[in-house]
Protein backbone atom coordinates (compact mmCIF):
# COMPACT_ATOMS: atom_id res chain seq x y z
CA UNK A 1 0.14 -0.15 -0.32
CA UNK A 2 1.38 3.69 -0.51
CA UNK A 3 0.56 6.97 0.41
CA UNK A 4 -0.87 9.41 -2.73
CA UNK A 5 0.98 12.69 -3.19
CA UNK A 6 0.63 14.92 -6.36
CA UNK A 7 4.33 14.45 -6.85
CA UNK A 8 7.64 13.21 -5.44
CA UNK A 9 8.02 17.29 -4.79
CA UNK A 10 4.81 17.39 -2.45
CA UNK A 11 5.81 14.28 -0.83
CA UNK A 12 8.79 15.94 0.48
CA UNK A 13 7.66 19.55 1.26
CA UNK A 14 4.46 17.87 3.37
CA UNK A 15 6.88 15.45 5.30
CA UNK A 16 9.45 17.93 6.04
CA UNK A 17 6.43 20.49 7.46
CA UNK A 18 4.44 17.50 9.45
CA UNK A 19 8.23 16.00 11.17
CA UNK A 20 8.90 19.91 11.69
CA UNK A 21 5.88 19.33 14.12
CA UNK A 22 7.20 16.39 15.90
CA UNK A 23 4.57 14.26 14.33
CA UNK A 24 5.75 10.47 13.90
CA UNK A 25 2.29 9.03 12.76
CA UNK A 26 -1.17 9.63 12.38
CA UNK A 27 -4.46 7.51 12.78
CA UNK A 28 -7.18 8.45 10.86
CA UNK A 29 -10.64 6.70 11.44
CA UNK A 30 -13.32 7.05 8.31
CA UNK A 31 -16.81 6.00 7.54
CA UNK A 32 -18.74 5.72 4.37
CA UNK A 33 -22.09 5.98 6.07
CA UNK A 34 -24.46 8.23 3.96
CA UNK A 35 -23.67 9.22 0.66
CA UNK A 36 -20.28 10.35 0.44
CA UNK A 37 -18.42 8.89 3.57
CA UNK A 38 -16.61 11.27 6.32
CA UNK A 39 -13.30 11.21 8.02
CA UNK A 40 -14.47 10.67 11.79
CA UNK A 41 -11.47 11.41 13.63
CA UNK A 42 -7.43 11.86 13.34
CA UNK A 43 -5.07 11.15 16.17
CA UNK A 44 -1.73 12.47 16.34
CA UNK A 45 1.72 10.84 17.63
CA UNK A 46 4.91 12.09 18.65
CA UNK A 47 7.59 9.94 19.75
CA UNK A 48 6.11 10.46 23.64
CA UNK A 49 2.64 9.18 22.51
CA UNK A 50 -1.15 10.97 21.64
CA UNK A 51 -0.36 14.64 20.48
CA UNK A 52 -3.10 16.02 23.04
CA UNK A 53 -1.22 20.00 23.04
CA UNK A 54 -3.56 22.38 20.97
CA UNK A 55 -0.56 24.35 20.02
CA UNK A 56 0.50 21.44 17.76
CA UNK A 57 -3.33 20.91 16.46
CA UNK A 58 -3.60 24.97 15.70
CA UNK A 59 -0.42 25.02 13.92
CA UNK A 60 -1.83 22.06 11.36
CA UNK A 61 -4.97 23.67 10.58
CA UNK A 62 -3.14 27.36 10.41
CA UNK A 63 -0.02 26.47 8.32
CA UNK A 64 -0.39 26.51 4.59
CA UNK A 65 1.74 25.24 1.76
CA UNK A 66 1.11 25.23 -1.85
CA UNK A 67 -0.55 22.18 -3.00
CA UNK A 68 -1.80 20.56 -6.25
CA UNK A 69 -5.76 19.27 -6.03
CA UNK A 70 -6.69 16.79 -8.79
CA UNK A 71 -9.86 17.43 -10.38
CA UNK A 72 -12.09 15.32 -13.01
CA UNK A 73 -13.03 17.94 -15.89
CA UNK A 74 -14.97 16.70 -18.89
CA UNK A 75 -13.59 17.58 -22.27
CA UNK A 76 -15.77 18.79 -24.06
CA UNK A 77 -13.67 17.70 -27.35
CA UNK A 78 -13.68 14.42 -26.83
CA UNK A 79 -16.27 14.01 -24.42
CA UNK A 80 -14.16 12.39 -21.86
CA UNK A 81 -13.10 12.78 -18.07
CA UNK A 82 -9.66 13.48 -17.53
CA UNK A 83 -7.91 14.70 -14.63
CA UNK A 84 -6.31 18.38 -13.95
CA UNK A 85 -4.41 19.24 -11.53
CA UNK A 86 -5.17 23.03 -9.48
CA UNK A 87 -2.72 24.90 -7.87
CA UNK A 88 -4.05 25.94 -4.55
CA UNK A 89 -2.88 27.21 -0.95
CA UNK A 90 -3.94 24.62 1.63
CA UNK A 91 -3.60 24.26 5.58
CA UNK A 92 -1.44 20.85 6.90
CA UNK A 93 -4.77 19.50 8.03
CA UNK A 94 -6.56 20.12 4.74
CA UNK A 95 -4.22 18.39 2.97
CA UNK A 96 -3.80 14.86 5.42
CA UNK A 97 -7.42 14.61 4.63
CA UNK A 98 -6.76 14.80 0.80
CA UNK A 99 -4.06 12.60 1.24
CA UNK A 100 -6.40 9.90 3.20
CA UNK A 101 -9.02 10.14 0.71
CA UNK A 102 -6.76 10.06 -2.05
CA UNK A 103 -4.96 7.06 -0.80
CA UNK A 104 -7.74 5.21 0.34
CA UNK A 105 -9.27 5.39 -3.49
CA UNK A 106 -5.35 4.39 -4.85
CA UNK A 107 -5.59 1.14 -2.54
CA UNK A 108 -9.10 0.31 -4.20
CA UNK A 109 -10.81 1.02 -0.42
CA UNK A 110 -14.26 1.69 -1.69
CA UNK A 111 -15.67 3.44 1.61
CA UNK A 112 -17.84 6.48 0.47
CA UNK A 113 -20.67 3.76 -0.69
CA UNK A 114 -23.90 4.07 1.16
CA UNK A 115 -23.56 0.96 2.97
CA UNK A 116 -21.36 2.33 5.36
CA UNK A 117 -17.73 0.66 5.08
CA UNK A 118 -15.46 2.15 8.22
CA UNK A 119 -11.76 1.53 9.04
CA UNK A 120 -8.67 2.96 10.28
CA UNK A 121 -5.92 4.13 8.34
CA UNK A 122 -2.42 4.55 10.13
CA UNK A 123 0.25 6.19 8.84
CA UNK A 124 3.98 6.10 10.28
CA UNK A 125 6.29 9.06 9.20
CA UNK A 126 9.39 7.81 10.61
CA UNK A 127 10.00 5.95 7.63
CA UNK A 128 10.95 6.70 4.23
CA UNK A 129 8.69 6.79 2.23
CA UNK A 130 5.59 6.63 5.21
CA UNK A 131 4.44 3.11 5.90
CA UNK A 132 0.63 2.94 6.30
CA UNK A 133 -1.82 0.39 7.00
CA UNK A 134 -5.67 0.00 6.31
CA UNK A 135 -7.90 -1.54 8.85
CA UNK A 136 -11.13 -1.79 6.78
CA UNK A 137 -14.77 -3.44 7.10
CA UNK A 138 -16.85 -3.24 4.38
CA UNK A 139 -20.95 -3.30 5.16
CA UNK A 140 -22.67 -5.87 3.14
CA UNK A 141 -25.67 -3.70 1.48
CA UNK A 142 -29.27 -4.41 2.71
CA UNK A 143 -31.23 -6.50 -0.21
CA UNK A 144 -33.94 -3.79 0.58
CA UNK A 145 -31.91 -0.77 0.04
CA UNK A 146 -31.29 -2.26 -3.64
CA UNK A 147 -34.63 -2.97 -3.76
CA UNK A 148 -35.42 0.42 -3.20
CA UNK A 149 -32.60 1.60 -5.82
CA UNK A 150 -34.42 0.07 -8.51
CA UNK A 151 -38.21 1.70 -7.52
CA UNK A 152 -36.31 5.35 -7.43
CA UNK A 153 -35.00 4.78 -11.13
CA UNK A 154 -38.25 3.46 -12.20
CA UNK A 155 -40.14 6.53 -10.70
CA UNK A 156 -37.60 9.11 -12.33
CA UNK A 157 -38.08 7.26 -15.82
CA UNK A 158 -41.76 7.35 -15.37
CA UNK A 159 -41.28 11.39 -14.71
CA UNK A 160 -39.30 12.02 -17.77
CA UNK A 161 -41.59 10.96 -20.50
C-alpha cells in the first residue's frame, strides 16, 4: 500500500512540515455511512505518544503550503473525463485529509459507499517513504436498499416521459 501525493516534491514538502512539528504518526478513522463518507477522527502522535497539545493541532490547522488538487473535468472535445491538477494553498490539516481520501481510493478501499464501510488508516512518518496500514470493514448492502434503488430509478424514468 502507498500514500498518494501529487508529486515527489509535494511529498517531501509535506513530510518536512509534518516532521518539523514532531509528528511521527497519525491514525485516521473513516466511515462511509451516508452518500459521501467522512473522516471521523484524526489522532496525532509524537515520540512520547498521543498529541494533546492544542498548539500543535492549531499549527496544523493554520499553516498552509502550496498544493495541487486533482479535479476531474469533462473534455468537451473528446467527451472524456480527464484529471487535471489545480494549484491551491491548503492547510496541513486539509492536505492530510486529502491524502487520506486519495490513498484510500488508490488502494481500492471504497469506503464512501452508502452501505457504510468503515476503518482505520495508520500512517507512520518515521520511515521514508512513510508506511501505511489500512484496517477496513465493508458493510454488505441491504437487499431492501437494492430493491428501493430500482424503485427510485423506475419512478425517475416515468417522470421523464
